[in-house]
């Protein structure tokens, strides 16, 4: 709507209308003097249509990828057959072996949010911290891993950071050190 279609203000009791025959809400019905409408409504309509098309296309693509990934044979059968071809037979070891599997940043409860068959199999064949672990201070990777393995607090095992020095060789070890020693 242009500025020519604005109604005239309603006079208050103190003011008299300029003309007694003028209606309270008079509109200019002369269409020849109105300027053409702004293109904002057209731009808004086109942008909404494009956004809707893009959203629908993305939804169709994700639905196709989600529903087309089903396999005909269960995954557990395929995995167990491939493992059986390469796995060595189980033998009793001379010394006990402890294997610590720690998922750094894996908050307690994540294993219940989605199916984790491999983690479930490890738990079924071993041990787990059923209620999770309470981290030690400082809550960094190396101090917590050493505390899990040794059962000691960082003040007693000496690893208080993700950077430490071997007291015998003087070599440093950090999170970026991937070289085996």
N, C-alpha and C. Protein backbone atom coordinates (compact mmCIF):
# COMPACT_ATOMS: atom_id res chain seq x y z
N UNK A 1 0.83 -1.19 0.00
CA UNK A 1 0.00 0.00 0.00
C UNK A 1 0.86 1.24 0.00
N UNK A 2 0.47 2.21 -0.75
CA UNK A 2 1.22 3.45 -0.82
C UNK A 2 0.79 4.41 0.27
N UNK A 3 1.43 5.55 0.31
CA UNK A 3 1.12 6.54 1.33
C UNK A 3 -0.19 7.25 1.03
N UNK A 4 -0.70 7.16 -0.22
CA UNK A 4 -1.94 7.83 -0.57
C UNK A 4 -3.15 7.12 0.02
N UNK A 5 -3.03 5.89 0.43
CA UNK A 5 -4.15 5.12 0.96
C UNK A 5 -4.26 5.22 2.48
N UNK A 6 -3.51 6.08 3.12
CA UNK A 6 -3.57 6.20 4.57
C UNK A 6 -4.85 6.91 4.96
N UNK A 7 -5.54 6.42 6.02
CA UNK A 7 -6.76 7.09 6.46
C UNK A 7 -6.42 8.40 7.16
N UNK A 8 -7.38 9.30 7.16
CA UNK A 8 -7.17 10.57 7.85
C UNK A 8 -7.35 10.33 9.34
N UNK A 9 -6.64 11.05 10.17
CA UNK A 9 -6.74 10.83 11.61
C UNK A 9 -8.12 11.21 12.13
N UNK A 10 -8.55 10.50 13.18
CA UNK A 10 -9.84 10.80 13.81
C UNK A 10 -9.65 12.01 14.71
N UNK A 11 -10.47 13.02 14.55
CA UNK A 11 -10.29 14.22 15.38
C UNK A 11 -10.73 13.95 16.82
N UNK A 12 -10.06 14.62 17.75
CA UNK A 12 -10.43 14.51 19.16
C UNK A 12 -11.54 15.50 19.45
N UNK A 13 -12.02 15.50 20.70
CA UNK A 13 -13.15 16.37 21.04
C UNK A 13 -12.77 17.85 20.97
N UNK A 14 -11.51 18.17 21.22
CA UNK A 14 -11.11 19.57 21.18
C UNK A 14 -11.03 20.09 19.76
N UNK A 15 -10.78 19.19 18.80
CA UNK A 15 -10.60 19.62 17.42
C UNK A 15 -11.88 19.38 16.64
N UNK A 16 -12.15 20.25 15.72
CA UNK A 16 -13.26 20.06 14.81
C UNK A 16 -12.72 19.49 13.51
N UNK A 17 -13.44 18.56 12.88
CA UNK A 17 -12.96 18.06 11.60
C UNK A 17 -12.91 19.20 10.60
N UNK A 18 -11.98 19.14 9.65
CA UNK A 18 -11.87 20.23 8.68
C UNK A 18 -13.13 20.42 7.85
N UNK A 19 -13.82 19.35 7.58
CA UNK A 19 -15.03 19.46 6.79
C UNK A 19 -16.03 18.46 7.38
N UNK A 20 -17.25 18.90 7.68
CA UNK A 20 -18.24 18.03 8.31
C UNK A 20 -18.73 16.94 7.37
N UNK A 21 -18.56 17.09 6.10
CA UNK A 21 -19.05 16.07 5.16
C UNK A 21 -18.01 15.00 4.88
N UNK A 22 -16.80 15.16 5.38
CA UNK A 22 -15.74 14.17 5.15
C UNK A 22 -15.96 12.98 6.09
N UNK A 23 -15.87 11.79 5.55
CA UNK A 23 -16.02 10.58 6.37
C UNK A 23 -14.83 10.45 7.31
N UNK A 24 -15.05 9.73 8.43
CA UNK A 24 -13.98 9.56 9.39
C UNK A 24 -12.82 8.76 8.81
N UNK A 25 -13.11 7.74 8.06
CA UNK A 25 -12.07 6.91 7.44
C UNK A 25 -12.21 7.01 5.93
N UNK A 26 -11.72 8.08 5.39
CA UNK A 26 -11.83 8.24 3.94
C UNK A 26 -10.61 7.64 3.28
N UNK A 27 -10.84 6.97 2.18
CA UNK A 27 -9.76 6.37 1.41
C UNK A 27 -9.74 6.99 0.04
N UNK A 28 -8.56 7.14 -0.49
CA UNK A 28 -8.41 7.65 -1.83
C UNK A 28 -8.61 6.48 -2.78
N UNK A 29 -9.65 6.53 -3.60
CA UNK A 29 -9.94 5.43 -4.51
C UNK A 29 -9.40 5.68 -5.90
N UNK A 30 -8.69 6.75 -6.07
CA UNK A 30 -8.11 7.05 -7.38
C UNK A 30 -6.88 6.18 -7.58
N UNK A 31 -6.94 5.17 -8.45
CA UNK A 31 -5.84 4.24 -8.66
C UNK A 31 -4.81 4.76 -9.63
N UNK A 32 -5.11 5.81 -10.35
CA UNK A 32 -4.14 6.31 -11.33
C UNK A 32 -2.97 7.00 -10.66
N UNK A 33 -3.14 7.50 -9.44
CA UNK A 33 -2.06 8.22 -8.78
C UNK A 33 -1.23 7.34 -7.85
N UNK A 34 -1.58 6.06 -7.67
CA UNK A 34 -0.81 5.20 -6.77
C UNK A 34 0.44 4.69 -7.47
N UNK A 35 1.57 4.72 -6.78
CA UNK A 35 2.79 4.21 -7.39
C UNK A 35 2.74 2.68 -7.47
N UNK A 36 3.52 2.07 -8.35
CA UNK A 36 3.52 0.61 -8.45
C UNK A 36 4.04 -0.01 -7.14
N UNK A 37 3.56 -1.23 -6.81
CA UNK A 37 3.94 -1.88 -5.55
C UNK A 37 5.42 -2.25 -5.57
N UNK A 38 6.02 -2.31 -4.38
CA UNK A 38 7.44 -2.63 -4.26
C UNK A 38 7.67 -4.12 -4.54
N UNK A 39 8.83 -4.47 -5.04
CA UNK A 39 9.09 -5.88 -5.37
C UNK A 39 9.47 -6.74 -4.15
N UNK A 40 9.31 -6.21 -2.93
CA UNK A 40 9.71 -6.99 -1.76
C UNK A 40 8.86 -8.25 -1.59
N UNK A 41 7.58 -8.16 -1.90
CA UNK A 41 6.73 -9.35 -1.76
C UNK A 41 7.13 -10.42 -2.77
N UNK A 42 7.52 -10.02 -3.96
CA UNK A 42 7.95 -10.99 -4.97
C UNK A 42 9.26 -11.64 -4.55
N UNK A 43 10.19 -10.85 -4.05
CA UNK A 43 11.48 -11.40 -3.61
C UNK A 43 11.27 -12.33 -2.43
N UNK A 44 10.40 -11.96 -1.50
CA UNK A 44 10.11 -12.80 -0.35
C UNK A 44 9.48 -14.12 -0.77
N UNK A 45 8.56 -14.07 -1.70
CA UNK A 45 7.91 -15.29 -2.18
C UNK A 45 8.90 -16.21 -2.88
N UNK A 46 9.76 -15.66 -3.71
CA UNK A 46 10.75 -16.47 -4.43
C UNK A 46 11.75 -17.07 -3.44
N UNK A 47 12.20 -16.30 -2.46
CA UNK A 47 13.16 -16.85 -1.50
C UNK A 47 12.52 -17.95 -0.65
N UNK A 48 11.27 -17.81 -0.28
CA UNK A 48 10.59 -18.87 0.46
C UNK A 48 10.44 -20.13 -0.38
N UNK A 49 10.11 -19.98 -1.66
CA UNK A 49 9.99 -21.14 -2.54
C UNK A 49 11.34 -21.84 -2.72
N UNK A 50 12.41 -21.08 -2.90
CA UNK A 50 13.73 -21.68 -3.05
C UNK A 50 14.16 -22.40 -1.78
N UNK A 51 13.92 -21.79 -0.63
CA UNK A 51 14.27 -22.43 0.64
C UNK A 51 13.49 -23.73 0.82
N UNK A 52 12.23 -23.71 0.48
CA UNK A 52 11.41 -24.92 0.58
C UNK A 52 11.92 -26.01 -0.34
N UNK A 53 12.28 -25.65 -1.57
CA UNK A 53 12.80 -26.64 -2.53
C UNK A 53 14.11 -27.24 -2.04
N UNK A 54 15.00 -26.41 -1.52
CA UNK A 54 16.29 -26.92 -1.02
C UNK A 54 16.06 -27.84 0.17
N UNK A 55 15.17 -27.46 1.08
CA UNK A 55 14.90 -28.30 2.25
C UNK A 55 14.29 -29.63 1.84
N UNK A 56 13.36 -29.61 0.90
CA UNK A 56 12.76 -30.87 0.43
C UNK A 56 13.78 -31.74 -0.28
N UNK A 57 14.66 -31.13 -1.07
CA UNK A 57 15.70 -31.91 -1.75
C UNK A 57 16.63 -32.56 -0.75
N UNK A 58 17.03 -31.83 0.27
CA UNK A 58 17.91 -32.40 1.30
C UNK A 58 17.21 -33.53 2.05
N UNK A 59 15.94 -33.36 2.35
CA UNK A 59 15.19 -34.40 3.05
C UNK A 59 15.09 -35.67 2.21
N UNK A 60 14.83 -35.51 0.92
CA UNK A 60 14.74 -36.68 0.03
C UNK A 60 16.10 -37.36 -0.08
N UNK A 61 17.18 -36.59 -0.18
CA UNK A 61 18.52 -37.19 -0.28
C UNK A 61 18.87 -37.95 0.99
N UNK A 62 18.62 -37.38 2.15
CA UNK A 62 18.91 -38.07 3.40
C UNK A 62 18.04 -39.32 3.57
N UNK A 63 16.78 -39.22 3.18
CA UNK A 63 15.91 -40.40 3.27
C UNK A 63 16.40 -41.50 2.35
N UNK A 64 16.82 -41.14 1.15
CA UNK A 64 17.35 -42.15 0.22
C UNK A 64 18.59 -42.82 0.80
N UNK A 65 19.52 -42.02 1.34
CA UNK A 65 20.73 -42.59 1.91
C UNK A 65 20.43 -43.44 3.14
N UNK A 66 19.48 -43.01 3.94
CA UNK A 66 19.15 -43.74 5.16
C UNK A 66 18.49 -45.08 4.86
N UNK A 67 17.52 -45.08 3.95
CA UNK A 67 16.77 -46.30 3.70
C UNK A 67 17.43 -47.23 2.69
N UNK A 68 18.39 -46.74 1.92
CA UNK A 68 19.04 -47.61 0.94
C UNK A 68 20.27 -48.31 1.50
N UNK A 69 20.64 -48.07 2.76
CA UNK A 69 21.84 -48.68 3.32
C UNK A 69 21.58 -50.03 3.96
N UNK A 70 20.37 -50.54 3.89
CA UNK A 70 20.06 -51.85 4.48
C UNK A 70 20.73 -52.95 3.67
N UNK A 71 21.25 -53.97 4.37
CA UNK A 71 21.89 -55.10 3.70
C UNK A 71 20.99 -56.31 3.77
N UNK A 72 21.19 -57.24 2.86
CA UNK A 72 20.33 -58.42 2.83
C UNK A 72 20.73 -59.43 3.89
N UNK A 73 22.02 -59.55 4.19
CA UNK A 73 22.50 -60.51 5.18
C UNK A 73 22.85 -59.75 6.45
N UNK A 74 22.52 -60.29 7.62
CA UNK A 74 22.87 -59.59 8.87
C UNK A 74 24.37 -59.36 8.97
N UNK A 75 24.73 -58.22 9.52
CA UNK A 75 26.13 -57.82 9.61
C UNK A 75 26.91 -58.73 10.54
N UNK A 76 26.29 -59.25 11.58
CA UNK A 76 27.03 -60.09 12.53
C UNK A 76 27.51 -61.38 11.88
N UNK A 77 26.73 -61.95 10.96
CA UNK A 77 27.17 -63.17 10.27
C UNK A 77 28.35 -62.88 9.36
N UNK A 78 28.30 -61.75 8.64
CA UNK A 78 29.40 -61.39 7.75
C UNK A 78 30.67 -61.16 8.55
N UNK A 79 30.55 -60.49 9.67
CA UNK A 79 31.72 -60.17 10.48
C UNK A 79 32.33 -61.43 11.08
N UNK A 80 31.49 -62.30 11.63
CA UNK A 80 32.03 -63.51 12.26
C UNK A 80 32.67 -64.43 11.24
N UNK A 81 32.14 -64.49 10.01
CA UNK A 81 32.76 -65.32 8.97
C UNK A 81 34.12 -64.77 8.57
N UNK A 82 34.24 -63.44 8.43
CA UNK A 82 35.52 -62.86 8.03
C UNK A 82 36.55 -62.96 9.15
N UNK A 83 36.11 -62.87 10.40
CA UNK A 83 37.04 -63.01 11.53
C UNK A 83 37.54 -64.44 11.62
N UNK A 84 36.66 -65.40 11.38
CA UNK A 84 37.05 -66.81 11.49
C UNK A 84 38.14 -67.17 10.49
N UNK A 85 38.21 -66.49 9.37
CA UNK A 85 39.23 -66.78 8.36
C UNK A 85 40.62 -66.35 8.82
N UNK A 86 40.71 -65.27 9.60
CA UNK A 86 42.01 -64.70 9.94
C UNK A 86 42.38 -64.83 11.41
N UNK A 87 41.46 -65.19 12.27
CA UNK A 87 41.72 -65.23 13.71
C UNK A 87 42.58 -66.44 14.06
N UNK A 88 43.48 -66.24 15.01
CA UNK A 88 44.30 -67.36 15.49
C UNK A 88 43.54 -68.09 16.58
N UNK A 89 43.83 -69.34 16.80
CA UNK A 89 43.11 -70.08 17.85
C UNK A 89 43.49 -69.53 19.23
N UNK A 90 42.55 -69.58 20.14
CA UNK A 90 42.78 -69.10 21.49
C UNK A 90 43.65 -70.08 22.25
N UNK A 91 44.71 -69.58 22.85
CA UNK A 91 45.59 -70.41 23.68
C UNK A 91 45.80 -69.71 25.00
N UNK A 92 46.09 -70.48 26.01
CA UNK A 92 46.34 -69.92 27.34
C UNK A 92 47.72 -69.27 27.34
N UNK A 93 47.78 -68.04 27.81
CA UNK A 93 49.04 -67.30 27.86
C UNK A 93 49.79 -67.63 29.14
N UNK A 94 51.10 -67.46 29.09
CA UNK A 94 51.94 -67.75 30.26
C UNK A 94 51.73 -66.75 31.39
N UNK A 95 51.50 -65.49 31.03
CA UNK A 95 51.34 -64.43 32.03
C UNK A 95 49.99 -63.77 31.81
N UNK A 96 49.37 -63.28 32.88
CA UNK A 96 48.10 -62.57 32.69
C UNK A 96 48.32 -61.27 31.92
N UNK A 97 47.37 -60.96 31.08
CA UNK A 97 47.44 -59.76 30.26
C UNK A 97 46.21 -58.90 30.59
N UNK A 98 46.47 -57.64 30.85
CA UNK A 98 45.38 -56.70 31.09
C UNK A 98 45.34 -55.74 29.91
N UNK A 99 44.20 -55.65 29.29
CA UNK A 99 44.02 -54.74 28.17
C UNK A 99 43.02 -53.68 28.61
N UNK A 100 43.49 -52.44 28.68
CA UNK A 100 42.64 -51.33 29.08
C UNK A 100 42.16 -50.63 27.82
N UNK A 101 40.87 -50.55 27.66
CA UNK A 101 40.29 -49.81 26.53
C UNK A 101 39.62 -48.59 27.13
N UNK A 102 40.15 -47.44 26.79
CA UNK A 102 39.62 -46.18 27.31
C UNK A 102 39.22 -45.32 26.13
N UNK A 103 37.99 -44.85 26.15
CA UNK A 103 37.51 -43.96 25.10
C UNK A 103 37.52 -42.54 25.66
N UNK A 104 38.56 -41.80 25.34
CA UNK A 104 38.72 -40.45 25.86
C UNK A 104 37.61 -39.56 25.30
N UNK A 105 36.89 -38.89 26.15
CA UNK A 105 35.79 -38.03 25.73
C UNK A 105 34.48 -38.78 25.53
N UNK A 106 34.46 -40.07 25.82
CA UNK A 106 33.27 -40.90 25.66
C UNK A 106 32.51 -40.86 26.98
N UNK A 107 31.58 -39.93 27.09
CA UNK A 107 30.84 -39.70 28.33
C UNK A 107 30.03 -40.93 28.71
N UNK A 108 29.90 -41.17 30.01
CA UNK A 108 29.10 -42.30 30.48
C UNK A 108 27.67 -42.14 29.97
N UNK A 109 27.13 -43.20 29.43
CA UNK A 109 25.77 -43.20 28.90
C UNK A 109 25.73 -43.22 27.39
N UNK A 110 26.84 -42.85 26.72
CA UNK A 110 26.85 -42.89 25.26
C UNK A 110 26.63 -44.31 24.74
N UNK A 111 27.11 -45.31 25.48
CA UNK A 111 27.00 -46.69 25.02
C UNK A 111 25.55 -47.17 25.04
N UNK A 112 24.65 -46.44 25.72
CA UNK A 112 23.25 -46.83 25.77
C UNK A 112 22.41 -46.08 24.75
N UNK A 113 22.97 -45.07 24.11
CA UNK A 113 22.20 -44.25 23.18
C UNK A 113 22.09 -44.86 21.79
N UNK A 114 22.96 -45.76 21.44
CA UNK A 114 22.95 -46.37 20.11
C UNK A 114 23.46 -47.80 20.23
N UNK A 115 23.10 -48.66 19.32
CA UNK A 115 23.63 -50.03 19.39
C UNK A 115 25.15 -50.04 19.20
N UNK A 116 25.85 -50.64 20.14
CA UNK A 116 27.31 -50.79 20.06
C UNK A 116 27.64 -52.26 20.26
N UNK A 117 27.46 -53.07 19.21
CA UNK A 117 27.63 -54.52 19.39
C UNK A 117 29.05 -54.91 19.76
N UNK A 118 30.05 -54.24 19.24
CA UNK A 118 31.43 -54.61 19.56
C UNK A 118 31.79 -54.26 21.00
N UNK A 119 31.36 -53.10 21.45
CA UNK A 119 31.60 -52.73 22.85
C UNK A 119 30.82 -53.67 23.76
N UNK A 120 29.61 -54.03 23.37
CA UNK A 120 28.82 -54.98 24.15
C UNK A 120 29.49 -56.34 24.24
N UNK A 121 30.10 -56.78 23.16
CA UNK A 121 30.80 -58.07 23.17
C UNK A 121 32.02 -58.02 24.08
N UNK A 122 32.74 -56.91 24.06
CA UNK A 122 33.89 -56.76 24.97
C UNK A 122 33.43 -56.78 26.43
N UNK A 123 32.34 -56.11 26.71
CA UNK A 123 31.81 -56.09 28.08
C UNK A 123 31.37 -57.48 28.51
N UNK A 124 30.70 -58.20 27.60
CA UNK A 124 30.22 -59.56 27.93
C UNK A 124 31.38 -60.51 28.22
N UNK A 125 32.52 -60.30 27.57
CA UNK A 125 33.67 -61.20 27.75
C UNK A 125 34.70 -60.66 28.73
N UNK A 126 34.43 -59.56 29.37
CA UNK A 126 35.44 -58.98 30.27
C UNK A 126 34.80 -58.28 31.44
N UNK A 127 35.27 -57.09 31.68
CA UNK A 127 34.84 -56.30 32.83
C UNK A 127 34.53 -54.90 32.36
N UNK A 128 33.68 -54.23 33.10
CA UNK A 128 33.37 -52.84 32.78
C UNK A 128 33.19 -52.05 34.06
N UNK A 129 33.32 -50.77 33.95
CA UNK A 129 32.99 -49.88 35.06
C UNK A 129 31.51 -49.56 34.91
N UNK A 130 30.67 -50.32 35.60
CA UNK A 130 29.22 -50.26 35.36
C UNK A 130 28.64 -48.87 35.57
N UNK A 131 29.13 -48.15 36.53
CA UNK A 131 28.60 -46.82 36.81
C UNK A 131 29.52 -45.72 36.29
N UNK A 132 30.47 -46.08 35.46
CA UNK A 132 31.42 -45.10 34.95
C UNK A 132 32.53 -44.88 35.95
N UNK A 133 33.43 -43.99 35.62
CA UNK A 133 34.55 -43.65 36.50
C UNK A 133 34.47 -42.19 36.89
N UNK A 134 34.93 -41.89 38.06
CA UNK A 134 35.02 -40.50 38.50
C UNK A 134 36.42 -40.03 38.15
N UNK A 135 36.55 -38.99 37.33
CA UNK A 135 37.89 -38.56 36.93
C UNK A 135 38.65 -37.94 38.10
N UNK A 136 39.97 -38.03 38.00
CA UNK A 136 40.83 -37.39 38.99
C UNK A 136 41.14 -35.98 38.53
N UNK A 137 41.67 -35.19 39.44
CA UNK A 137 42.08 -33.83 39.07
C UNK A 137 43.57 -33.82 38.84
N UNK A 138 44.07 -33.28 37.80
CA UNK A 138 43.40 -32.56 36.72
C UNK A 138 42.73 -33.53 35.75
N UNK A 139 41.60 -33.12 35.20
CA UNK A 139 40.85 -33.99 34.31
C UNK A 139 41.45 -33.95 32.91
N UNK A 140 42.62 -34.52 32.79
CA UNK A 140 43.33 -34.63 31.52
C UNK A 140 43.51 -36.10 31.19
N UNK A 141 43.85 -36.39 29.95
CA UNK A 141 43.94 -37.78 29.49
C UNK A 141 45.01 -38.57 30.22
N UNK A 142 46.25 -38.12 30.18
CA UNK A 142 47.34 -38.91 30.77
C UNK A 142 47.19 -39.12 32.27
N UNK A 143 46.90 -38.09 33.07
CA UNK A 143 46.74 -38.34 34.51
C UNK A 143 45.62 -39.33 34.81
N UNK A 144 44.51 -39.25 34.08
CA UNK A 144 43.40 -40.16 34.33
C UNK A 144 43.73 -41.57 33.89
N UNK A 145 44.40 -41.74 32.75
CA UNK A 145 44.75 -43.10 32.32
C UNK A 145 45.74 -43.75 33.29
N UNK A 146 46.72 -43.00 33.76
CA UNK A 146 47.68 -43.56 34.72
C UNK A 146 47.00 -43.87 36.05
N UNK A 147 46.01 -43.06 36.43
CA UNK A 147 45.29 -43.34 37.67
C UNK A 147 44.43 -44.59 37.53
N UNK A 148 43.83 -44.82 36.36
CA UNK A 148 43.05 -46.03 36.14
C UNK A 148 43.94 -47.26 36.24
N UNK A 149 45.10 -47.20 35.62
CA UNK A 149 46.00 -48.36 35.56
C UNK A 149 46.66 -48.62 36.91
N UNK A 150 47.11 -47.58 37.59
CA UNK A 150 47.87 -47.77 38.83
C UNK A 150 47.00 -47.74 40.08
N UNK A 151 45.84 -47.09 40.00
CA UNK A 151 45.01 -46.93 41.20
C UNK A 151 45.50 -45.82 42.10
N UNK A 152 46.42 -45.01 41.62
CA UNK A 152 46.99 -43.92 42.42
C UNK A 152 46.48 -42.57 41.92
N UNK A 153 46.50 -41.60 42.82
CA UNK A 153 46.19 -40.23 42.42
C UNK A 153 47.40 -39.63 41.71
N UNK A 154 47.19 -38.59 40.87
CA UNK A 154 48.31 -37.99 40.14
C UNK A 154 49.44 -37.50 41.04
N UNK A 155 49.15 -37.05 42.24
CA UNK A 155 50.20 -36.59 43.14
C UNK A 155 51.14 -37.73 43.53
N UNK A 156 50.66 -38.97 43.46
CA UNK A 156 51.48 -40.12 43.85
C UNK A 156 52.15 -40.81 42.66
N UNK A 157 51.51 -40.80 41.49
CA UNK A 157 52.18 -41.44 40.34
C UNK A 157 52.98 -40.44 39.52
N UNK A 158 52.80 -39.14 39.72
CA UNK A 158 53.67 -38.14 39.12
C UNK A 158 53.23 -37.60 37.77
N UNK A 159 52.22 -38.16 37.15
CA UNK A 159 51.75 -37.64 35.85
C UNK A 159 50.63 -36.65 36.15
N UNK A 160 50.93 -35.36 36.00
CA UNK A 160 49.96 -34.33 36.32
C UNK A 160 49.57 -33.49 35.11
N UNK A 161 50.05 -33.89 33.93
CA UNK A 161 49.77 -33.12 32.73
C UNK A 161 49.81 -34.06 31.54
N UNK A 162 49.45 -33.57 30.37
CA UNK A 162 49.56 -34.35 29.15
C UNK A 162 50.96 -34.23 28.55
N UNK A 163 51.90 -33.75 29.34
CA UNK A 163 53.30 -33.60 28.94
C UNK A 163 54.14 -34.10 30.11
N UNK A 164 55.02 -35.04 29.84
CA UNK A 164 55.89 -35.48 30.93
C UNK A 164 57.23 -35.91 30.39
N UNK A 165 58.20 -35.99 31.30
CA UNK A 165 59.59 -36.32 30.96
C UNK A 165 59.93 -37.66 31.60
N UNK A 166 60.57 -38.53 30.83
CA UNK A 166 61.05 -39.80 31.37
C UNK A 166 62.24 -39.49 32.28
N UNK A 167 62.17 -39.85 33.56
CA UNK A 167 63.25 -39.48 34.47
C UNK A 167 64.56 -40.21 34.17
N UNK A 168 64.52 -41.36 33.51
CA UNK A 168 65.74 -42.11 33.23
C UNK A 168 66.43 -41.64 31.96
N UNK A 169 65.66 -41.36 30.90
CA UNK A 169 66.27 -40.99 29.62
C UNK A 169 66.22 -39.50 29.35
N UNK A 170 65.31 -38.78 30.02
CA UNK A 170 65.17 -37.35 29.77
C UNK A 170 64.30 -37.04 28.56
N UNK A 171 63.75 -38.07 27.90
CA UNK A 171 62.90 -37.85 26.73
C UNK A 171 61.53 -37.33 27.17
N UNK A 172 60.96 -36.48 26.32
CA UNK A 172 59.64 -35.92 26.62
C UNK A 172 58.58 -36.69 25.84
N UNK A 173 57.40 -36.71 26.39
CA UNK A 173 56.28 -37.35 25.75
C UNK A 173 55.08 -36.42 25.85
N UNK A 174 54.43 -36.18 24.72
CA UNK A 174 53.26 -35.31 24.68
C UNK A 174 52.15 -36.01 23.91
N UNK A 175 51.01 -35.35 23.83
CA UNK A 175 49.89 -35.90 23.06
C UNK A 175 50.25 -36.01 21.58
N UNK A 176 51.14 -35.17 21.10
CA UNK A 176 51.55 -35.20 19.70
C UNK A 176 52.64 -36.21 19.40
N UNK A 177 53.20 -36.84 20.42
CA UNK A 177 54.27 -37.82 20.22
C UNK A 177 53.65 -39.15 19.81
N UNK A 178 53.89 -39.54 18.58
CA UNK A 178 53.35 -40.81 18.10
C UNK A 178 54.46 -41.82 17.82
N UNK A 179 55.68 -41.46 18.13
CA UNK A 179 56.80 -42.35 17.88
C UNK A 179 56.91 -43.38 18.99
N UNK A 180 56.97 -44.66 18.65
CA UNK A 180 57.15 -45.67 19.70
C UNK A 180 58.55 -45.57 20.28
N UNK A 181 58.68 -45.78 21.55
CA UNK A 181 59.99 -45.69 22.22
C UNK A 181 60.42 -47.07 22.66
